[in-house]
PDB file of N, CA and C in Angstrom:
ATOM      1  N   UNK A   1      76.615 134.161 113.660  1.00  0.00           N
ATOM      2  CA  UNK A   1      77.245 133.433 112.575  1.00  0.00           C
ATOM      3  C   UNK A   1      77.313 131.971 113.187  1.00  0.00           C
ATOM      4  N   UNK A   2      77.140 131.030 112.203  1.00  0.00           N
ATOM      5  CA  UNK A   2      77.310 129.617 112.693  1.00  0.00           C
ATOM      6  C   UNK A   2      78.700 129.273 112.465  1.00  0.00           C
ATOM      7  N   UNK A   3      79.486 128.909 113.208  1.00  0.00           N
ATOM      8  CA  UNK A   3      80.864 128.396 112.970  1.00  0.00           C
ATOM      9  C   UNK A   3      81.114 127.134 112.593  1.00  0.00           C
ATOM     10  N   UNK A   4      79.988 126.274 112.554  1.00  0.00           N
ATOM     11  CA  UNK A   4      79.995 124.825 112.125  1.00  0.00           C
ATOM     12  C   UNK A   4      80.500 124.810 110.628  1.00  0.00           C
ATOM     13  N   UNK A   5      80.008 125.820 109.831  1.00  0.00           N
ATOM     14  CA  UNK A   5      80.346 125.895 108.439  1.00  0.00           C
ATOM     15  C   UNK A   5      81.885 125.931 108.205  1.00  0.00           C
ATOM     16  N   UNK A   6      82.630 126.386 109.253  1.00  0.00           N
ATOM     17  CA  UNK A   6      84.114 126.696 108.957  1.00  0.00           C
ATOM     18  C   UNK A   6      84.898 125.398 109.718  1.00  0.00           C
ATOM     19  N   UNK A   7      84.139 124.574 110.295  1.00  0.00           N
ATOM     20  CA  UNK A   7      84.819 123.470 111.009  1.00  0.00           C
ATOM     21  C   UNK A   7      85.082 122.276 109.805  1.00  0.00           C
ATOM     22  N   UNK A   8      86.306 121.700 109.948  1.00  0.00           N
ATOM     23  CA  UNK A   8      86.435 120.677 109.078  1.00  0.00           C
ATOM     24  C   UNK A   8      85.694 119.404 109.504  1.00  0.00           C
ATOM     25  N   UNK A   9      85.173 118.950 108.501  1.00  0.00           N
ATOM     26  CA  UNK A   9      84.333 117.518 108.433  1.00  0.00           C
ATOM     27  C   UNK A   9      85.106 116.547 108.737  1.00  0.00           C
ATOM     28  N   UNK A  10      84.615 115.516 109.613  1.00  0.00           N
ATOM     29  CA  UNK A  10      85.307 114.312 109.905  1.00  0.00           C
ATOM     30  C   UNK A  10      85.222 113.375 108.969  1.00  0.00           C
ATOM     31  N   UNK A  11      86.142 112.728 108.434  1.00  0.00           N
ATOM     32  CA  UNK A  11      86.206 111.689 107.419  1.00  0.00           C
ATOM     33  C   UNK A  11      86.108 110.376 108.332  1.00  0.00           C
ATOM     34  N   UNK A  12      85.087 109.652 107.845  1.00  0.00           N
ATOM     35  CA  UNK A  12      84.813 108.282 108.503  1.00  0.00           C
ATOM     36  C   UNK A  12      85.835 107.267 108.068  1.00  0.00           C
ATOM     37  N   UNK A  13      86.182 106.579 108.989  1.00  0.00           N
ATOM     38  CA  UNK A  13      87.352 105.625 108.975  1.00  0.00           C
ATOM     39  C   UNK A  13      86.687 104.038 109.485  1.00  0.00           C
ATOM     40  N   UNK A  14      87.500 103.225 109.117  1.00  0.00           N
ATOM     41  CA  UNK A  14      87.022 101.854 109.497  1.00  0.00           C
ATOM     42  C   UNK A  14      86.809 101.576 111.176  1.00  0.00           C
ATOM     43  N   UNK A  15      87.967 102.198 111.741  1.00  0.00           N
ATOM     44  CA  UNK A  15      87.852 102.260 113.248  1.00  0.00           C
ATOM     45  C   UNK A  15      86.560 103.049 113.762  1.00  0.00           C
ATOM     46  N   UNK A  16      85.920 103.981 113.101  1.00  0.00           N
ATOM     47  CA  UNK A  16      84.643 104.488 113.488  1.00  0.00           C
ATOM     48  C   UNK A  16      83.377 103.545 113.531  1.00  0.00           C
ATOM     49  N   UNK A  17      83.469 102.605 112.431  1.00  0.00           N
ATOM     50  CA  UNK A  17      82.587 101.766 112.378  1.00  0.00           C
ATOM     51  C   UNK A  17      82.718 100.593 113.264  1.00  0.00           C
ATOM     52  N   UNK A  18      83.992 100.164 113.515  1.00  0.00           N
ATOM     53  CA  UNK A  18      84.378  99.236 114.567  1.00  0.00           C
ATOM     54  C   UNK A  18      83.909  99.573 115.782  1.00  0.00           C
ATOM     55  N   UNK A  19      84.191 100.817 116.305  1.00  0.00           N
ATOM     56  CA  UNK A  19      83.819 101.369 117.554  1.00  0.00           C
ATOM     57  C   UNK A  19      82.173 101.531 117.728  1.00  0.00           C
ATOM     58  N   UNK A  20      81.630 101.748 116.542  1.00  0.00           N
ATOM     59  CA  UNK A  20      80.115 101.890 116.770  1.00  0.00           C
ATOM     60  C   UNK A  20      79.376 100.326 116.835  1.00  0.00           C
ATOM     61  N   UNK A  21      80.197  99.438 116.459  1.00  0.00           N
ATOM     62  CA  UNK A  21      79.625  98.143 116.647  1.00  0.00           C
ATOM     63  C   UNK A  21      78.298  97.755 115.706  1.00  0.00           C
ATOM     64  N   UNK A  22      78.057  98.603 114.863  1.00  0.00           N
ATOM     65  CA  UNK A  22      76.919  98.256 113.962  1.00  0.00           C
ATOM     66  C   UNK A  22      77.052  99.045 112.796  1.00  0.00           C
ATOM     67  N   UNK A  23      76.234  98.788 111.670  1.00  0.00           N
ATOM     68  CA  UNK A  23      76.300  99.740 110.571  1.00  0.00           C
ATOM     69  C   UNK A  23      75.639 101.093 110.880  1.00  0.00           C
ATOM     70  N   UNK A  24      76.186 101.894 110.008  1.00  0.00           N
ATOM     71  CA  UNK A  24      75.667 103.398 110.384  1.00  0.00           C
ATOM     72  C   UNK A  24      74.813 103.881 109.102  1.00  0.00           C
ATOM     73  N   UNK A  25      73.575 104.325 109.447  1.00  0.00           N
ATOM     74  CA  UNK A  25      72.678 104.949 108.438  1.00  0.00           C
ATOM     75  C   UNK A  25      73.181 106.212 108.171  1.00  0.00           C
ATOM     76  N   UNK A  26      73.431 106.758 106.968  1.00  0.00           N
ATOM     77  CA  UNK A  26      73.509 108.074 106.628  1.00  0.00           C
ATOM     78  C   UNK A  26      72.913 108.586 105.388  1.00  0.00           C
ATOM     79  N   UNK A  27      72.508 109.732 105.404  1.00  0.00           N
ATOM     80  CA  UNK A  27      71.882 110.357 104.214  1.00  0.00           C
ATOM     81  C   UNK A  27      72.744 111.252 103.436  1.00  0.00           C
ATOM     82  N   UNK A  28      72.934 111.083 102.117  1.00  0.00           N
ATOM     83  CA  UNK A  28      73.966 111.956 101.308  1.00  0.00           C
ATOM     84  C   UNK A  28      73.510 113.189 101.139  1.00  0.00           C
ATOM     85  N   UNK A  29      74.445 114.421 101.414  1.00  0.00           N
ATOM     86  CA  UNK A  29      74.138 115.639 101.266  1.00  0.00           C
ATOM     87  C   UNK A  29      74.821 116.264 100.068  1.00  0.00           C
ATOM     88  N   UNK A  30      75.856 115.898  99.668  1.00  0.00           N
ATOM     89  CA  UNK A  30      76.603 116.309  98.531  1.00  0.00           C
ATOM     90  C   UNK A  30      77.688 115.267  98.075  1.00  0.00           C
ATOM     91  N   UNK A  31      78.194 115.325  96.910  1.00  0.00           N
ATOM     92  CA  UNK A  31      79.440 114.608  96.372  1.00  0.00           C
ATOM     93  C   UNK A  31      80.287 115.393  95.741  1.00  0.00           C
ATOM     94  N   UNK A  32      81.446 115.501  96.197  1.00  0.00           N
ATOM     95  CA  UNK A  32      82.417 116.369  95.707  1.00  0.00           C
ATOM     96  C   UNK A  32      83.688 115.533  95.252  1.00  0.00           C
ATOM     97  N   UNK A  33      84.648 116.145  94.234  1.00  0.00           N
ATOM     98  CA  UNK A  33      85.850 115.475  93.968  1.00  0.00           C
ATOM     99  C   UNK A  33      86.890 115.642  95.084  1.00  0.00           C
ATOM    100  N   UNK A  34      87.467 114.585  95.528  1.00  0.00           N
ATOM    101  CA  UNK A  34      88.456 114.509  96.686  1.00  0.00           C
ATOM    102  C   UNK A  34      89.837 114.412  95.996  1.00  0.00           C
ATOM    103  N   UNK A  35      90.740 114.139  97.081  1.00  0.00           N
ATOM    104  CA  UNK A  35      92.113 113.704  96.642  1.00  0.00           C
ATOM    105  C   UNK A  35      92.260 112.419  96.011  1.00  0.00           C
ATOM    106  N   UNK A  36      93.282 112.309  95.260  1.00  0.00           N
ATOM    107  CA  UNK A  36      93.478 111.005  94.513  1.00  0.00           C
ATOM    108  C   UNK A  36      92.435 110.713  93.512  1.00  0.00           C
ATOM    109  N   UNK A  37      91.756 111.687  92.857  1.00  0.00           N
ATOM    110  CA  UNK A  37      90.664 111.333  92.109  1.00  0.00           C
ATOM    111  C   UNK A  37      89.576 110.445  92.478  1.00  0.00           C
ATOM    112  N   UNK A  38      89.429 110.621  93.958  1.00  0.00           N
ATOM    113  CA  UNK A  38      88.159 109.916  94.525  1.00  0.00           C
ATOM    114  C   UNK A  38      87.144 110.596  94.819  1.00  0.00           C
ATOM    115  N   UNK A  39      85.794 110.351  94.581  1.00  0.00           N
ATOM    116  CA  UNK A  39      84.722 111.133  95.077  1.00  0.00           C
ATOM    117  C   UNK A  39      84.555 111.015  96.501  1.00  0.00           C
ATOM    118  N   UNK A  40      83.943 112.044  97.099  1.00  0.00           N
ATOM    119  CA  UNK A  40      83.728 112.259  98.448  1.00  0.00           C
ATOM    120  C   UNK A  40      82.344 112.299  98.923  1.00  0.00           C
ATOM    121  N   UNK A  41      81.665 111.542  99.515  1.00  0.00           N
ATOM    122  CA  UNK A  41      80.323 111.712 100.006  1.00  0.00           C
ATOM    123  C   UNK A  41      80.277 112.498 101.180  1.00  0.00           C
ATOM    124  N   UNK A  42      79.507 113.685 101.237  1.00  0.00           N
ATOM    125  CA  UNK A  42      79.511 114.221 102.451  1.00  0.00           C
ATOM    126  C   UNK A  42      78.033 114.063 102.932  1.00  0.00           C
ATOM    127  N   UNK A  43      77.659 113.773 104.254  1.00  0.00           N
ATOM    128  CA  UNK A  43      76.379 113.379 104.800  1.00  0.00           C
ATOM    129  C   UNK A  43      75.820 114.345 105.584  1.00  0.00           C
ATOM    130  N   UNK A  44      74.620 114.416 105.820  1.00  0.00           N
ATOM    131  CA  UNK A  44      73.805 115.417 106.537  1.00  0.00           C
ATOM    132  C   UNK A  44      74.426 115.908 107.802  1.00  0.00           C
ATOM    133  N   UNK A  45      75.051 114.828 108.559  1.00  0.00           N
ATOM    134  CA  UNK A  45      75.584 115.184 109.864  1.00  0.00           C
ATOM    135  C   UNK A  45      77.060 115.692 109.712  1.00  0.00           C
ATOM    136  N   UNK A  46      77.479 116.034 108.573  1.00  0.00           N
ATOM    137  CA  UNK A  46      78.750 116.711 108.490  1.00  0.00           C
ATOM    138  C   UNK A  46      79.842 115.755 108.277  1.00  0.00           C
ATOM    139  N   UNK A  47      79.693 114.518 108.537  1.00  0.00           N
ATOM    140  CA  UNK A  47      80.839 113.452 108.231  1.00  0.00           C
ATOM    141  C   UNK A  47      81.009 113.243 106.603  1.00  0.00           C
ATOM    142  N   UNK A  48      82.080 112.643 106.378  1.00  0.00           N
ATOM    143  CA  UNK A  48      82.475 112.481 104.944  1.00  0.00           C
ATOM    144  C   UNK A  48      83.056 111.048 104.753  1.00  0.00           C
ATOM    145  N   UNK A  49      82.884 110.603 103.557  1.00  0.00           N
ATOM    146  CA  UNK A  49      83.429 109.271 103.271  1.00  0.00           C
ATOM    147  C   UNK A  49      84.150 109.375 101.818  1.00  0.00           C
ATOM    148  N   UNK A  50      85.382 108.957 101.707  1.00  0.00           N
ATOM    149  CA  UNK A  50      86.076 109.026 100.423  1.00  0.00           C
ATOM    150  C   UNK A  50      85.847 107.505  99.908  1.00  0.00           C
ATOM    151  N   UNK A  51      85.306 107.508  98.580  1.00  0.00           N
ATOM    152  CA  UNK A  51      84.994 106.354  98.181  1.00  0.00           C
ATOM    153  C   UNK A  51      86.016 105.613  97.303  1.00  0.00           C
ATOM    154  N   UNK A  52      86.419 104.436  97.638  1.00  0.00           N
ATOM    155  CA  UNK A  52      87.044 103.604  96.750  1.00  0.00           C
ATOM    156  C   UNK A  52      86.344 103.089  95.557  1.00  0.00           C
ATOM    157  N   UNK A  53      87.136 102.491  94.523  1.00  0.00           N
ATOM    158  CA  UNK A  53      86.636 101.921  93.422  1.00  0.00           C
ATOM    159  C   UNK A  53      85.434 100.999  93.718  1.00  0.00           C
ATOM    160  N   UNK A  54      85.627 100.248  94.743  1.00  0.00           N
ATOM    161  CA  UNK A  54      84.448  99.145  95.066  1.00  0.00           C
ATOM    162  C   UNK A  54      83.268  99.813  95.325  1.00  0.00           C
ATOM    163  N   UNK A  55      83.361 100.895  96.413  1.00  0.00           N
ATOM    164  CA  UNK A  55      82.002 101.610  96.668  1.00  0.00           C
ATOM    165  C   UNK A  55      81.488 102.403  95.424  1.00  0.00           C
ATOM    166  N   UNK A  56      82.376 102.852  94.556  1.00  0.00           N
ATOM    167  CA  UNK A  56      81.904 103.603  93.510  1.00  0.00           C
ATOM    168  C   UNK A  56      81.007 102.725  92.609  1.00  0.00           C
ATOM    169  N   UNK A  57      81.445 101.549  92.288  1.00  0.00           N
ATOM    170  CA  UNK A  57      80.736 100.463  91.522  1.00  0.00           C
ATOM    171  C   UNK A  57      79.586 100.148  92.116  1.00  0.00           C
ATOM    172  N   UNK A  58      79.463  99.917  93.634  1.00  0.00           N
ATOM    173  CA  UNK A  58      78.406  99.465  94.427  1.00  0.00           C
ATOM    174  C   UNK A  58      77.292 100.493  94.187  1.00  0.00           C
ATOM    175  N   UNK A  59      77.613 101.843  94.318  1.00  0.00           N
ATOM    176  CA  UNK A  59      76.710 103.060  94.364  1.00  0.00           C
ATOM    177  C   UNK A  59      76.083 103.071  92.996  1.00  0.00           C
ATOM    178  N   UNK A  60      76.797 103.018  91.987  1.00  0.00           N
ATOM    179  CA  UNK A  60      76.336 103.006  90.527  1.00  0.00           C
ATOM    180  C   UNK A  60      75.238 102.041  90.484  1.00  0.00           C
ATOM    181  N   UNK A  61      75.575 100.655  90.757  1.00  0.00           N
ATOM    182  CA  UNK A  61      74.524  99.548  90.740  1.00  0.00           C
ATOM    183  C   UNK A  61      73.537  99.879  91.680  1.00  0.00           C
ATOM    184  N   UNK A  62      73.476 100.355  92.793  1.00  0.00           N
ATOM    185  CA  UNK A  62      72.368 100.494  93.681  1.00  0.00           C
ATOM    186  C   UNK A  62      71.393 101.409  93.203  1.00  0.00           C
ATOM    187  N   UNK A  63      71.807 102.658  92.682  1.00  0.00           N
ATOM    188  CA  UNK A  63      71.021 103.699  92.357  1.00  0.00           C
ATOM    189  C   UNK A  63      70.723 103.877  90.854  1.00  0.00           C
ATOM    190  N   UNK A  64      71.467 102.988  90.137  1.00  0.00           N
ATOM    191  CA  UNK A  64      71.109 102.988  88.768  1.00  0.00           C
ATOM    192  C   UNK A  64      71.662 104.189  87.906  1.00  0.00           C
ATOM    193  N   UNK A  65      72.488 104.833  88.369  1.00  0.00           N
ATOM    194  CA  UNK A  65      72.970 106.053  87.817  1.00  0.00           C
ATOM    195  C   UNK A  65      74.568 106.390  88.013  1.00  0.00           C
ATOM    196  N   UNK A  66      75.142 106.957  87.185  1.00  0.00           N
ATOM    197  CA  UNK A  66      76.537 107.349  87.431  1.00  0.00           C
ATOM    198  C   UNK A  66      76.652 108.970  87.599  1.00  0.00           C
ATOM    199  N   UNK A  67      75.540 109.652  87.593  1.00  0.00           N
ATOM    200  CA  UNK A  67      75.466 111.033  87.947  1.00  0.00           C
ATOM    201  C   UNK A  67      75.373 111.210  89.498  1.00  0.00           C
ATOM    202  N   UNK A  68      76.451 112.203  89.965  1.00  0.00           N
ATOM    203  CA  UNK A  68      76.341 112.299  91.516  1.00  0.00           C
ATOM    204  C   UNK A  68      75.094 112.993  91.940  1.00  0.00           C
ATOM    205  N   UNK A  69      74.466 113.811  91.212  1.00  0.00           N
ATOM    206  CA  UNK A  69      73.474 114.555  91.779  1.00  0.00           C
ATOM    207  C   UNK A  69      72.144 113.596  92.008  1.00  0.00           C
ATOM    208  N   UNK A  70      72.106 112.515  91.355  1.00  0.00           N
ATOM    209  CA  UNK A  70      71.098 111.467  91.688  1.00  0.00           C
ATOM    210  C   UNK A  70      71.328 110.843  93.086  1.00  0.00           C
ATOM    211  N   UNK A  71      72.524 111.067  93.783  1.00  0.00           N
ATOM    212  CA  UNK A  71      72.731 110.425  94.993  1.00  0.00           C
ATOM    213  C   UNK A  71      71.984 111.462  96.145  1.00  0.00           C
ATOM    214  N   UNK A  72      71.839 112.731  95.833  1.00  0.00           N
ATOM    215  CA  UNK A  72      71.642 113.547  96.993  1.00  0.00           C
ATOM    216  C   UNK A  72      70.326 113.282  97.564  1.00  0.00           C
ATOM    217  N   UNK A  73      70.342 113.248  98.880  1.00  0.00           N
ATOM    218  CA  UNK A  73      69.274 112.896  99.710  1.00  0.00           C
ATOM    219  C   UNK A  73      68.860 111.395  99.630  1.00  0.00           C
ATOM    220  N   UNK A  74      69.725 110.371  99.224  1.00  0.00           N
ATOM    221  CA  UNK A  74      69.642 109.147  99.432  1.00  0.00           C
ATOM    222  C   UNK A  74      70.081 108.514 100.748  1.00  0.00           C
ATOM    223  N   UNK A  75      69.497 107.534 101.174  1.00  0.00           N
ATOM    224  CA  UNK A  75      70.016 107.138 102.320  1.00  0.00           C
ATOM    225  C   UNK A  75      71.048 105.855 101.862  1.00  0.00           C
ATOM    226  N   UNK A  76      72.181 105.663 102.672  1.00  0.00           N
ATOM    227  CA  UNK A  76      73.002 104.780 102.454  1.00  0.00           C
ATOM    228  C   UNK A  76      73.496 104.235 103.883  1.00  0.00           C
ATOM    229  N   UNK A  77      73.979 102.839 103.716  1.00  0.00           N
ATOM    230  CA  UNK A  77      74.318 102.349 105.191  1.00  0.00           C
ATOM    231  C   UNK A  77      75.853 101.906 104.949  1.00  0.00           C
ATOM    232  N   UNK A  78      76.561 102.273 105.967  1.00  0.00           N
ATOM    233  CA  UNK A  78      78.072 101.832 105.948  1.00  0.00           C
ATOM    234  C   UNK A  78      78.130 100.856 106.837  1.00  0.00           C
ATOM    235  N   UNK A  79      79.075  99.728 106.390  1.00  0.00           N
ATOM    236  CA  UNK A  79      79.352  98.626 107.246  1.00  0.00           C
ATOM    237  C   UNK A  79      80.817  98.240 106.958  1.00  0.00           C
ATOM    238  N   UNK A  80      81.247  97.367 108.042  1.00  0.00           N
ATOM    239  CA  UNK A  80      82.508  96.837 107.739  1.00  0.00           C
ATOM    240  C   UNK A  80      82.504  95.483 106.941  1.00  0.00           C
ATOM    241  N   UNK A  81      83.368  95.507 106.006  1.00  0.00           N
ATOM    242  CA  UNK A  81      83.335  94.383 104.967  1.00  0.00           C
ATOM    243  C   UNK A  81      84.743  93.995 104.387  1.00  0.00           C
ATOM    244  N   UNK A  82      84.859  93.066 103.639  1.00  0.00           N
ATOM    245  CA  UNK A  82      86.263  92.841 103.168  1.00  0.00           C
ATOM    246  C   UNK A  82      86.322  93.300 101.868  1.00  0.00           C
ATOM    247  N   UNK A  83      87.539  93.816 101.239  1.00  0.00           N
ATOM    248  CA  UNK A  83      87.851  94.136  99.864  1.00  0.00           C
ATOM    249  C   UNK A  83      89.210  93.618  99.679  1.00  0.00           C
ATOM    250  N   UNK A  84      89.421  93.120  98.491  1.00  0.00           N
ATOM    251  CA  UNK A  84      90.780  92.633  98.025  1.00  0.00           C
ATOM    252  C   UNK A  84      91.610  93.953  97.481  1.00  0.00           C
ATOM    253  N   UNK A  85      92.729  93.941  98.146  1.00  0.00           N
ATOM    254  CA  UNK A  85      93.713  95.023  97.759  1.00  0.00           C
ATOM    255  C   UNK A  85      95.266  94.422  97.590  1.00  0.00           C
ATOM    256  N   UNK A  86      95.788  94.528  96.584  1.00  0.00           N
ATOM    257  CA  UNK A  86      97.037  93.749  96.222  1.00  0.00           C
ATOM    258  C   UNK A  86      97.079  92.546  96.607  1.00  0.00           C
ATOM    259  N   UNK A  87      96.113  91.685  96.214  1.00  0.00           N
ATOM    260  CA  UNK A  87      96.234  90.189  96.379  1.00  0.00           C
ATOM    261  C   UNK A  87      95.840  89.636  97.865  1.00  0.00           C
ATOM    262  N   UNK A  88      95.406  90.578  98.753  1.00  0.00           N
ATOM    263  CA  UNK A  88      94.984  89.988 100.031  1.00  0.00           C
ATOM    264  C   UNK A  88      93.685  90.878 100.538  1.00  0.00           C
ATOM    265  N   UNK A  89      92.903  90.067 101.240  1.00  0.00           N
ATOM    266  CA  UNK A  89      91.623  90.707 101.715  1.00  0.00           C
ATOM    267  C   UNK A  89      91.958  91.499 102.955  1.00  0.00           C
ATOM    268  N   UNK A  90      91.261  92.791 103.083  1.00  0.00           N
ATOM    269  CA  UNK A  90      91.298  93.528 104.130  1.00  0.00           C
ATOM    270  C   UNK A  90      90.007  94.107 104.635  1.00  0.00           C
ATOM    271  N   UNK A  91      89.841  94.511 105.722  1.00  0.00           N
ATOM    272  CA  UNK A  91      88.666  95.044 106.297  1.00  0.00           C
ATOM    273  C   UNK A  91      88.607  96.563 105.702  1.00  0.00           C
ATOM    274  N   UNK A  92      87.365  96.842 105.285  1.00  0.00           N
ATOM    275  CA  UNK A  92      87.110  98.166 104.667  1.00  0.00           C
ATOM    276  C   UNK A  92      85.774  98.621 105.173  1.00  0.00           C
ATOM    277  N   UNK A  93      85.603 100.095 104.987  1.00  0.00           N
ATOM    278  CA  UNK A  93      84.155 100.580 105.141  1.00  0.00           C
ATOM    279  C   UNK A  93      83.587 100.470 103.749  1.00  0.00           C
ATOM    280  N   UNK A  94      82.337  99.650 103.658  1.00  0.00           N
ATOM    281  CA  UNK A  94      81.606  99.347 102.558  1.00  0.00           C
ATOM    282  C   UNK A  94      80.213 100.023 102.536  1.00  0.00           C
ATOM    283  N   UNK A  95      79.771 100.170 101.363  1.00  0.00           N
ATOM    284  CA  UNK A  95      78.295 100.967 101.365  1.00  0.00           C
ATOM    285  C   UNK A  95      77.367  99.820 100.818  1.00  0.00           C
ATOM    286  N   UNK A  96      76.168 100.033 101.359  1.00  0.00           N
ATOM    287  CA  UNK A  96      74.944  99.406 100.641  1.00  0.00           C
ATOM    288  C   UNK A  96      73.693 100.222 100.991  1.00  0.00           C
ATOM    289  N   UNK A  97      72.736  99.727 100.281  1.00  0.00           N
ATOM    290  CA  UNK A  97      71.444 100.280 100.628  1.00  0.00           C
ATOM    291  C   UNK A  97      70.855  99.879 101.845  1.00  0.00           C
ATOM    292  N   UNK A  98      70.344 100.674 102.648  1.00  0.00           N
ATOM    293  CA  UNK A  98      69.779 100.373 104.037  1.00  0.00           C
ATOM    294  C   UNK A  98      68.484  99.330 103.853  1.00  0.00           C
ATOM    295  N   UNK A  99      68.468  98.267 104.669  1.00  0.00           N
ATOM    296  CA  UNK A  99      67.427  97.385 104.723  1.00  0.00           C
ATOM    297  C   UNK A  99      66.008  98.231 104.694  1.00  0.00           C
ATOM    298  N   UNK A 100      65.043  97.949 104.030  1.00  0.00           N
ATOM    299  CA  UNK A 100      63.688  98.704 104.243  1.00  0.00           C
ATOM    300  C   UNK A 100      63.237  98.615 105.608  1.00  0.00           C
ATOM    301  N   UNK A 101      62.622  99.525 106.267  1.00  0.00           N
ATOM    302  CA  UNK A 101      62.098  99.590 107.499  1.00  0.00           C
ATOM    303  C   UNK A 101      60.664  99.112 107.380  1.00  0.00           C
ATOM    304  N   UNK A 102      60.156  98.424 108.241  1.00  0.00           N
ATOM    305  CA  UNK A 102      58.831  98.004 108.252  1.00  0.00           C
ATOM    306  C   UNK A 102      57.970  99.223 108.575  1.00  0.00           C
ATOM    307  N   UNK A 103      56.811  99.063 108.169  1.00  0.00           N
ATOM    308  CA  UNK A 103      55.918 100.365 108.249  1.00  0.00           C
ATOM    309  C   UNK A 103      55.590 100.598 109.678  1.00  0.00           C
ATOM    310  N   UNK A 104      55.422 101.679 109.944  1.00  0.00           N
ATOM    311  CA  UNK A 104      55.115 102.266 111.461  1.00  0.00           C
ATOM    312  C   UNK A 104      53.843 101.371 111.848  1.00  0.00           C
ATOM    313  N   UNK A 105      52.920 101.199 110.878  1.00  0.00           N
ATOM    314  CA  UNK A 105      51.647 100.281 111.370  1.00  0.00           C
ATOM    315  C   UNK A 105      52.142  99.026 111.801  1.00  0.00           C
ATOM    316  N   UNK A 106      52.997  98.435 110.945  1.00  0.00           N
ATOM    317  CA  UNK A 106      53.510  97.090 111.492  1.00  0.00           C
ATOM    318  C   UNK A 106      54.132  97.023 112.824  1.00  0.00           C
ATOM    319  N   UNK A 107      54.957  98.042 113.083  1.00  0.00           N
ATOM    320  CA  UNK A 107      55.577  98.245 114.335  1.00  0.00           C
ATOM    321  C   UNK A 107      54.580  98.387 115.608  1.00  0.00           C
ATOM    322  N   UNK A 108      53.381  99.173 115.337  1.00  0.00           N
ATOM    323  CA  UNK A 108      52.444  99.344 116.348  1.00  0.00           C
ATOM    324  C   UNK A 108      51.130  98.314 116.321  1.00  0.00           C
ATOM    325  N   UNK A 109      51.307  97.377 115.476  1.00  0.00           N
ATOM    326  CA  UNK A 109      50.146  96.472 115.329  1.00  0.00           C
ATOM    327  C   UNK A 109      50.360  95.369 116.099  1.00  0.00           C
ATOM    328  N   UNK A 110      50.971  95.430 117.395  1.00  0.00           N
ATOM    329  CA  UNK A 110      51.166  94.281 118.294  1.00  0.00           C
ATOM    330  C   UNK A 110      49.901  94.061 118.998  1.00  0.00           C
ATOM    331  N   UNK A 111      49.734  92.869 119.490  1.00  0.00           N
ATOM    332  CA  UNK A 111      48.413  92.670 120.337  1.00  0.00           C
ATOM    333  C   UNK A 111      48.799  92.900 121.581  1.00  0.00           C
ATOM    334  N   UNK A 112      47.783  93.608 122.373  1.00  0.00           N
ATOM    335  CA  UNK A 112      48.088  93.965 123.806  1.00  0.00           C
ATOM    336  C   UNK A 112      47.339  92.805 124.661  1.00  0.00           C
ATOM    337  N   UNK A 113      48.320  92.071 125.379  1.00  0.00           N
ATOM    338  CA  UNK A 113      47.444  91.161 126.135  1.00  0.00           C
ATOM    339  C   UNK A 113      46.839  91.763 127.609  1.00  0.00           C
ATOM    340  N   UNK A 114      45.581  91.288 127.688  1.00  0.00           N
ATOM    341  CA  UNK A 114      44.772  91.921 128.864  1.00  0.00           C
ATOM    342  C   UNK A 114      44.445  90.815 129.887  1.00  0.00           C
TER     343      UNK A 114
END
């Protein structure tokens, strides 16, 4: 029996991204309703992110849909950014579409000096 399915998933926080020192690339596995009427993204690595209103709006704009099923298997990048909360800016975990990777051919198409 795989006990991993009984373990609680780690919710990603601002400190996790700060410690990583770079944006994190994640693939969405599911979307569920979380506490406080906020949707929760669960990623293929088992981590989760509770979405604030800013991130919900961003996701709708990025993927062109309000249906959570359309997010499954989509890649998303988490990064540290600023949001306005109660009149002041504060650092938050924000979402965006990852930058497109160059093709493998472009990566391997270097000239080899002889």
